[in-house]
PDB file of N, CA and C in Angstrom:
ATOM      1  N   MET A   1      29.704 -25.882   5.549  1.00  0.00           N
ATOM      2  CA  MET A   1      28.436 -26.181   6.164  1.00  0.00           C
ATOM      3  C   MET A   1      28.637 -26.032   7.654  1.00  0.00           C
ATOM      4  N   PRO A   2      28.060 -25.210   8.335  1.00  0.00           N
ATOM      5  CA  PRO A   2      27.150 -24.094   7.914  1.00  0.00           C
ATOM      6  C   PRO A   2      27.913 -22.944   7.409  1.00  0.00           C
ATOM      7  N   SER A   3      27.246 -22.028   6.793  1.00  0.00           N
ATOM      8  CA  SER A   3      27.833 -20.784   6.241  1.00  0.00           C
ATOM      9  C   SER A   3      28.118 -19.835   7.409  1.00  0.00           C
ATOM     10  N   LEU A   4      29.404 -19.707   7.745  1.00  0.00           N
ATOM     11  CA  LEU A   4      29.724 -18.766   8.799  1.00  0.00           C
ATOM     12  C   LEU A   4      29.745 -17.330   8.346  1.00  0.00           C
ATOM     13  N   HIS A   5      29.807 -17.123   7.031  1.00  0.00           N
ATOM     14  CA  HIS A   5      29.646 -15.806   6.494  1.00  0.00           C
ATOM     15  C   HIS A   5      28.289 -15.252   6.878  1.00  0.00           C
ATOM     16  N   VAL A   6      27.288 -16.096   6.697  1.00  0.00           N
ATOM     17  CA  VAL A   6      25.903 -15.657   7.047  1.00  0.00           C
ATOM     18  C   VAL A   6      25.717 -15.626   8.553  1.00  0.00           C
ATOM     19  N   ALA A   7      26.327 -16.581   9.255  1.00  0.00           N
ATOM     20  CA  ALA A   7      26.193 -16.647  10.716  1.00  0.00           C
ATOM     21  C   ALA A   7      26.742 -15.394  11.357  1.00  0.00           C
ATOM     22  N   TYR A   8      27.907 -14.930  10.943  1.00  0.00           N
ATOM     23  CA  TYR A   8      28.523 -13.789  11.534  1.00  0.00           C
ATOM     24  C   TYR A   8      27.726 -12.556  11.240  1.00  0.00           C
ATOM     25  N   SER A   9      27.250 -12.417  10.009  1.00  0.00           N
ATOM     26  CA  SER A   9      26.408 -11.262   9.698  1.00  0.00           C
ATOM     27  C   SER A   9      25.098 -11.233  10.408  1.00  0.00           C
ATOM     28  N   PHE A  10      24.538 -12.454  10.642  1.00  0.00           N
ATOM     29  CA  PHE A  10      23.312 -12.499  11.467  1.00  0.00           C
ATOM     30  C   PHE A  10      23.584 -12.271  12.900  1.00  0.00           C
ATOM     31  N   LEU A  11      24.777 -12.634  13.404  1.00  0.00           N
ATOM     32  CA  LEU A  11      25.150 -12.304  14.739  1.00  0.00           C
ATOM     33  C   LEU A  11      25.220 -10.846  15.016  1.00  0.00           C
ATOM     34  N   ILE A  12      25.635 -10.104  14.054  1.00  0.00           N
ATOM     35  CA  ILE A  12      25.674  -8.593  14.156  1.00  0.00           C
ATOM     36  C   ILE A  12      24.246  -8.100  14.348  1.00  0.00           C
ATOM     37  N   VAL A  13      23.263  -8.642  13.614  1.00  0.00           N
ATOM     38  CA  VAL A  13      21.895  -8.237  13.781  1.00  0.00           C
ATOM     39  C   VAL A  13      21.326  -8.667  15.140  1.00  0.00           C
ATOM     40  N   VAL A  14      21.573  -9.865  15.534  1.00  0.00           N
ATOM     41  CA  VAL A  14      21.036 -10.390  16.774  1.00  0.00           C
ATOM     42  C   VAL A  14      21.640  -9.678  18.014  1.00  0.00           C
ATOM     43  N   SER A  15      22.963  -9.521  18.020  1.00  0.00           N
ATOM     44  CA  SER A  15      23.561  -8.960  19.217  1.00  0.00           C
ATOM     45  C   SER A  15      23.511  -7.451  19.261  1.00  0.00           C
ATOM     46  N   GLY A  16      23.346  -6.791  18.145  1.00  0.00           N
ATOM     47  CA  GLY A  16      23.312  -5.355  18.136  1.00  0.00           C
ATOM     48  C   GLY A  16      21.950  -4.783  18.107  1.00  0.00           C
ATOM     49  N   TRP A  17      20.882  -5.575  17.947  1.00  0.00           N
ATOM     50  CA  TRP A  17      19.543  -5.037  17.794  1.00  0.00           C
ATOM     51  C   TRP A  17      19.167  -4.095  18.892  1.00  0.00           C
ATOM     52  N   GLY A  18      19.377  -4.463  20.144  1.00  0.00           N
ATOM     53  CA  GLY A  18      19.025  -3.624  21.287  1.00  0.00           C
ATOM     54  C   GLY A  18      19.867  -2.396  21.446  1.00  0.00           C
ATOM     55  N   ALA A  19      21.108  -2.484  20.937  1.00  0.00           N
ATOM     56  CA  ALA A  19      22.022  -1.307  21.117  1.00  0.00           C
ATOM     57  C   ALA A  19      21.993  -0.375  19.962  1.00  0.00           C
ATOM     58  N   PHE A  20      21.593  -0.824  18.814  1.00  0.00           N
ATOM     59  CA  PHE A  20      21.599   0.037  17.595  1.00  0.00           C
ATOM     60  C   PHE A  20      20.308   0.906  17.490  1.00  0.00           C
ATOM     61  N   GLY A  21      20.461   2.055  16.938  1.00  0.00           N
ATOM     62  CA  GLY A  21      19.352   2.888  16.548  1.00  0.00           C
ATOM     63  C   GLY A  21      18.816   2.364  15.212  1.00  0.00           C
ATOM     64  N   TRP A  22      17.732   2.955  14.683  1.00  0.00           N
ATOM     65  CA  TRP A  22      17.145   2.396  13.486  1.00  0.00           C
ATOM     66  C   TRP A  22      18.021   2.519  12.291  1.00  0.00           C
ATOM     67  N   PRO A  23      18.954   3.541  12.085  1.00  0.00           N
ATOM     68  CA  PRO A  23      19.770   3.440  10.899  1.00  0.00           C
ATOM     69  C   PRO A  23      20.749   2.305  10.915  1.00  0.00           C
ATOM     70  N   LEU A  24      21.290   2.013  12.076  1.00  0.00           N
ATOM     71  CA  LEU A  24      22.254   0.889  12.157  1.00  0.00           C
ATOM     72  C   LEU A  24      21.531  -0.456  12.072  1.00  0.00           C
ATOM     73  N   ARG A  25      20.287  -0.505  12.582  1.00  0.00           N
ATOM     74  CA  ARG A  25      19.515  -1.731  12.418  1.00  0.00           C
ATOM     75  C   ARG A  25      19.297  -2.042  10.971  1.00  0.00           C
ATOM     76  N   VAL A  26      18.851  -1.028  10.223  1.00  0.00           N
ATOM     77  CA  VAL A  26      18.602  -1.223   8.806  1.00  0.00           C
ATOM     78  C   VAL A  26      19.885  -1.642   8.094  1.00  0.00           C
ATOM     79  N   ALA A  27      20.983  -0.975   8.409  1.00  0.00           N
ATOM     80  CA  ALA A  27      22.234  -1.322   7.798  1.00  0.00           C
ATOM     81  C   ALA A  27      22.673  -2.771   8.078  1.00  0.00           C
ATOM     82  N   ALA A  28      22.483  -3.178   9.320  1.00  0.00           N
ATOM     83  CA  ALA A  28      22.861  -4.541   9.757  1.00  0.00           C
ATOM     84  C   ALA A  28      22.019  -5.560   9.038  1.00  0.00           C
ATOM     85  N   VAL A  29      20.710  -5.301   8.953  1.00  0.00           N
ATOM     86  CA  VAL A  29      19.800  -6.240   8.300  1.00  0.00           C
ATOM     87  C   VAL A  29      20.081  -6.293   6.794  1.00  0.00           C
ATOM     88  N   LEU A  30      20.343  -5.160   6.203  1.00  0.00           N
ATOM     89  CA  LEU A  30      20.734  -5.171   4.786  1.00  0.00           C
ATOM     90  C   LEU A  30      22.052  -5.912   4.514  1.00  0.00           C
ATOM     91  N   PHE A  31      23.018  -5.737   5.412  1.00  0.00           N
ATOM     92  CA  PHE A  31      24.316  -6.453   5.273  1.00  0.00           C
ATOM     93  C   PHE A  31      24.084  -7.940   5.375  1.00  0.00           C
ATOM     94  N   PHE A  32      23.213  -8.356   6.334  1.00  0.00           N
ATOM     95  CA  PHE A  32      22.867  -9.820   6.479  1.00  0.00           C
ATOM     96  C   PHE A  32      22.222 -10.315   5.245  1.00  0.00           C
ATOM     97  N   LEU A  33      21.254  -9.645   4.740  1.00  0.00           N
ATOM     98  CA  LEU A  33      20.498 -10.103   3.567  1.00  0.00           C
ATOM     99  C   LEU A  33      21.374 -10.173   2.349  1.00  0.00           C
ATOM    100  N   LEU A  34      22.205  -9.144   2.122  1.00  0.00           N
ATOM    101  CA  LEU A  34      23.177  -9.168   1.034  1.00  0.00           C
ATOM    102  C   LEU A  34      24.168 -10.273   1.122  1.00  0.00           C
ATOM    103  N   MET A  35      24.662 -10.531   2.328  1.00  0.00           N
ATOM    104  CA  MET A  35      25.571 -11.608   2.579  1.00  0.00           C
ATOM    105  C   MET A  35      24.974 -12.941   2.219  1.00  0.00           C
ATOM    106  N   ALA A  36      23.763 -13.183   2.687  1.00  0.00           N
ATOM    107  CA  ALA A  36      23.049 -14.434   2.435  1.00  0.00           C
ATOM    108  C   ALA A  36      22.765 -14.596   0.948  1.00  0.00           C
ATOM    109  N   PHE A  37      22.295 -13.516   0.295  1.00  0.00           N
ATOM    110  CA  PHE A  37      22.039 -13.613  -1.121  1.00  0.00           C
ATOM    111  C   PHE A  37      23.330 -13.837  -1.932  1.00  0.00           C
ATOM    112  N   SER A  38      24.349 -13.145  -1.594  1.00  0.00           N
ATOM    113  CA  SER A  38      25.593 -13.297  -2.364  1.00  0.00           C
ATOM    114  C   SER A  38      26.275 -14.661  -2.132  1.00  0.00           C
ATOM    115  N   ALA A  39      26.141 -15.176  -0.993  1.00  0.00           N
ATOM    116  CA  ALA A  39      26.708 -16.499  -0.706  1.00  0.00           C
ATOM    117  C   ALA A  39      26.031 -17.576  -1.602  1.00  0.00           C
ATOM    118  N   ALA A  40      24.774 -17.443  -1.786  1.00  0.00           N
ATOM    119  CA  ALA A  40      24.031 -18.409  -2.676  1.00  0.00           C
ATOM    120  C   ALA A  40      24.242 -18.053  -4.144  1.00  0.00           C
ATOM    121  N   TYR A  41      24.135 -16.778  -4.475  1.00  0.00           N
ATOM    122  CA  TYR A  41      24.212 -16.357  -5.881  1.00  0.00           C
ATOM    123  C   TYR A  41      25.586 -16.601  -6.473  1.00  0.00           C
ATOM    124  N   LEU A  42      26.622 -16.374  -5.715  1.00  0.00           N
ATOM    125  CA  LEU A  42      27.992 -16.566  -6.207  1.00  0.00           C
ATOM    126  C   LEU A  42      28.433 -18.018  -6.074  1.00  0.00           C
ATOM    127  N   ASP A  43      27.486 -18.888  -5.629  1.00  0.00           N
ATOM    128  CA  ASP A  43      27.760 -20.342  -5.556  1.00  0.00           C
ATOM    129  C   ASP A  43      28.843 -20.687  -4.591  1.00  0.00           C
ATOM    130  N   HIS A  44      28.968 -19.885  -3.475  1.00  0.00           N
ATOM    131  CA  HIS A  44      29.908 -20.256  -2.437  1.00  0.00           C
ATOM    132  C   HIS A  44      29.275 -21.216  -1.459  1.00  0.00           C
ATOM    133  N   HIS A  45      27.952 -21.041  -1.283  1.00  0.00           N
ATOM    134  CA  HIS A  45      27.178 -21.916  -0.341  1.00  0.00           C
ATOM    135  C   HIS A  45      25.844 -22.290  -1.014  1.00  0.00           C
ATOM    136  N   TRP A  46      25.265 -23.438  -0.539  1.00  0.00           N
ATOM    137  CA  TRP A  46      23.918 -23.752  -0.932  1.00  0.00           C
ATOM    138  C   TRP A  46      22.980 -23.117   0.039  1.00  0.00           C
ATOM    139  N   VAL A  47      21.707 -23.106  -0.298  1.00  0.00           N
ATOM    140  CA  VAL A  47      20.666 -22.528   0.593  1.00  0.00           C
ATOM    141  C   VAL A  47      20.652 -23.209   1.901  1.00  0.00           C
ATOM    142  N   LEU A  48      20.852 -24.548   1.900  1.00  0.00           N
ATOM    143  CA  LEU A  48      20.825 -25.260   3.216  1.00  0.00           C
ATOM    144  C   LEU A  48      21.989 -24.824   4.084  1.00  0.00           C
ATOM    145  N   ASP A  49      23.122 -24.498   3.507  1.00  0.00           N
ATOM    146  CA  ASP A  49      24.233 -23.907   4.284  1.00  0.00           C
ATOM    147  C   ASP A  49      23.877 -22.605   4.911  1.00  0.00           C
ATOM    148  N   ILE A  50      23.111 -21.803   4.247  1.00  0.00           N
ATOM    149  CA  ILE A  50      22.671 -20.505   4.741  1.00  0.00           C
ATOM    150  C   ILE A  50      21.644 -20.682   5.883  1.00  0.00           C
ATOM    151  N   VAL A  51      20.724 -21.542   5.705  1.00  0.00           N
ATOM    152  CA  VAL A  51      19.758 -21.848   6.749  1.00  0.00           C
ATOM    153  C   VAL A  51      20.447 -22.427   8.001  1.00  0.00           C
ATOM    154  N   ALA A  52      21.391 -23.299   7.760  1.00  0.00           N
ATOM    155  CA  ALA A  52      22.156 -23.864   8.885  1.00  0.00           C
ATOM    156  C   ALA A  52      22.985 -22.794   9.595  1.00  0.00           C
ATOM    157  N   GLY A  53      23.541 -21.869   8.860  1.00  0.00           N
ATOM    158  CA  GLY A  53      24.276 -20.791   9.434  1.00  0.00           C
ATOM    159  C   GLY A  53      23.415 -19.892  10.325  1.00  0.00           C
ATOM    160  N   ILE A  54      22.242 -19.613   9.880  1.00  0.00           N
ATOM    161  CA  ILE A  54      21.251 -18.812  10.666  1.00  0.00           C
ATOM    162  C   ILE A  54      20.864 -19.584  11.901  1.00  0.00           C
ATOM    163  N   ALA A  55      20.545 -20.879  11.748  1.00  0.00           N
ATOM    164  CA  ALA A  55      20.168 -21.676  12.930  1.00  0.00           C
ATOM    165  C   ALA A  55      21.298 -21.799  13.929  1.00  0.00           C
ATOM    166  N   TYR A  56      22.497 -22.004  13.386  1.00  0.00           N
ATOM    167  CA  TYR A  56      23.713 -22.097  14.267  1.00  0.00           C
ATOM    168  C   TYR A  56      23.880 -20.798  15.092  1.00  0.00           C
ATOM    169  N   CYS A  57      23.766 -19.707  14.411  1.00  0.00           N
ATOM    170  CA  CYS A  57      23.971 -18.422  15.141  1.00  0.00           C
ATOM    171  C   CYS A  57      22.844 -18.258  16.191  1.00  0.00           C
ATOM    172  N   ALA A  58      21.599 -18.538  15.809  1.00  0.00           N
ATOM    173  CA  ALA A  58      20.568 -18.374  16.726  1.00  0.00           C
ATOM    174  C   ALA A  58      20.630 -19.240  17.977  1.00  0.00           C
ATOM    175  N   ILE A  59      21.085 -20.486  17.766  1.00  0.00           N
ATOM    176  CA  ILE A  59      21.263 -21.365  18.894  1.00  0.00           C
ATOM    177  C   ILE A  59      22.410 -20.918  19.821  1.00  0.00           C
ATOM    178  N   VAL A  60      23.525 -20.575  19.215  1.00  0.00           N
ATOM    179  CA  VAL A  60      24.705 -20.114  19.991  1.00  0.00           C
ATOM    180  C   VAL A  60      24.419 -18.824  20.705  1.00  0.00           C
ATOM    181  N   ALA A  61      23.759 -17.914  20.094  1.00  0.00           N
ATOM    182  CA  ALA A  61      23.383 -16.628  20.744  1.00  0.00           C
ATOM    183  C   ALA A  61      22.429 -16.875  21.876  1.00  0.00           C
ATOM    184  N   SER A  62      21.489 -17.707  21.708  1.00  0.00           N
ATOM    185  CA  SER A  62      20.486 -18.044  22.747  1.00  0.00           C
ATOM    186  C   SER A  62      21.155 -18.705  23.962  1.00  0.00           C
ATOM    187  N   VAL A  63      22.048 -19.637  23.657  1.00  0.00           N
ATOM    188  CA  VAL A  63      22.754 -20.302  24.782  1.00  0.00           C
ATOM    189  C   VAL A  63      23.659 -19.327  25.491  1.00  0.00           C
ATOM    190  N   ALA A  64      24.332 -18.489  24.743  1.00  0.00           N
ATOM    191  CA  ALA A  64      25.223 -17.474  25.358  1.00  0.00           C
ATOM    192  C   ALA A  64      24.434 -16.515  26.277  1.00  0.00           C
ATOM    193  N   ARG A  65      23.283 -16.083  25.782  1.00  0.00           N
ATOM    194  CA  ARG A  65      22.499 -15.196  26.613  1.00  0.00           C
ATOM    195  C   ARG A  65      21.998 -15.873  27.850  1.00  0.00           C
ATOM    196  N   TRP A  66      21.547 -17.165  27.683  1.00  0.00           N
ATOM    197  CA  TRP A  66      21.092 -17.903  28.835  1.00  0.00           C
ATOM    198  C   TRP A  66      22.179 -18.099  29.875  1.00  0.00           C
ATOM    199  N   VAL A  67      23.358 -18.478  29.409  1.00  0.00           N
ATOM    200  CA  VAL A  67      24.485 -18.635  30.357  1.00  0.00           C
ATOM    201  C   VAL A  67      24.825 -17.377  31.040  1.00  0.00           C
ATOM    202  N   SER A  68      24.883 -16.246  30.292  1.00  0.00           N
ATOM    203  CA  SER A  68      25.275 -14.935  30.916  1.00  0.00           C
ATOM    204  C   SER A  68      24.232 -14.489  31.918  1.00  0.00           C
ATOM    205  N   ARG A  69      22.917 -14.711  31.641  1.00  0.00           N
ATOM    206  CA  ARG A  69      21.863 -14.377  32.608  1.00  0.00           C
ATOM    207  C   ARG A  69      21.945 -15.306  33.814  1.00  0.00           C
ATOM    208  N   ARG A  70      22.181 -16.547  33.557  1.00  0.00           N
ATOM    209  CA  ARG A  70      22.243 -17.552  34.680  1.00  0.00           C
ATOM    210  C   ARG A  70      23.338 -17.234  35.632  1.00  0.00           C
ATOM    211  N   PHE A  71      24.510 -16.843  35.138  1.00  0.00           N
ATOM    212  CA  PHE A  71      25.659 -16.633  36.002  1.00  0.00           C
ATOM    213  C   PHE A  71      25.835 -15.189  36.398  1.00  0.00           C
ATOM    214  N   ALA A  72      25.049 -14.306  35.881  1.00  0.00           N
ATOM    215  CA  ALA A  72      25.145 -12.911  36.251  1.00  0.00           C
ATOM    216  C   ALA A  72      24.690 -12.739  37.687  1.00  0.00           C
ATOM    217  N   ARG A  73      23.777 -13.524  38.169  1.00  0.00           N
ATOM    218  CA  ARG A  73      23.315 -13.378  39.549  1.00  0.00           C
ATOM    219  C   ARG A  73      24.375 -13.787  40.546  1.00  0.00           C
ATOM    220  N   PHE A  74      25.306 -14.644  40.138  1.00  0.00           N
ATOM    221  CA  PHE A  74      26.369 -15.016  41.014  1.00  0.00           C
ATOM    222  C   PHE A  74      27.403 -13.878  41.145  1.00  0.00           C
ATOM    223  N   ALA A  75      27.528 -13.075  40.139  1.00  0.00           N
ATOM    224  CA  ALA A  75      28.489 -12.011  40.151  1.00  0.00           C
ATOM    225  C   ALA A  75      27.962 -10.711  40.774  1.00  0.00           C
ATOM    226  N   ALA A  76      26.595 -10.596  40.827  1.00  0.00           N
ATOM    227  CA  ALA A  76      26.004  -9.436  41.426  1.00  0.00           C
ATOM    228  C   ALA A  76      26.098  -9.480  42.958  1.00  0.00           C
ATOM    229  N   PRO A  77      26.394  -8.364  43.574  1.00  0.00           N
ATOM    230  CA  PRO A  77      26.477  -8.360  45.019  1.00  0.00           C
ATOM    231  C   PRO A  77      25.060  -8.510  45.644  1.00  0.00           C
ATOM    232  N   GLU A  78      25.008  -9.214  46.756  1.00  0.00           N
ATOM    233  CA  GLU A  78      23.759  -9.435  47.416  1.00  0.00           C
ATOM    234  C   GLU A  78      23.332  -8.165  48.168  1.00  0.00           C
ATOM    235  N   PRO A  79      22.012  -7.846  48.114  1.00  0.00           N
ATOM    236  CA  PRO A  79      21.541  -6.628  48.831  1.00  0.00           C
ATOM    237  C   PRO A  79      21.667  -6.855  50.335  1.00  0.00           C
ATOM    238  N   SER A  80      22.038  -5.777  51.053  1.00  0.00           N
ATOM    239  CA  SER A  80      22.188  -5.953  52.480  1.00  0.00           C
ATOM    240  C   SER A  80      21.034  -5.358  53.264  1.00  0.00           C
TER     241      SER A  80
END
């Protein structure tokens, strides 16, 4: 708890969405859906574990983006 199998596959979707073209987006989403389905179907995780993995990934990715945007202005040179 949470399912990190699902969290990592969802992280691929979340972090790669802007960089991937449509074939890789489809492949990433299919991989995520198959991972979530197989985790529950093969009785490795419960559905609540899968939902918690998705929420965990979404929260961590959001915080990481916020931190990187917040501190990116400190690393950028000031215009002269």
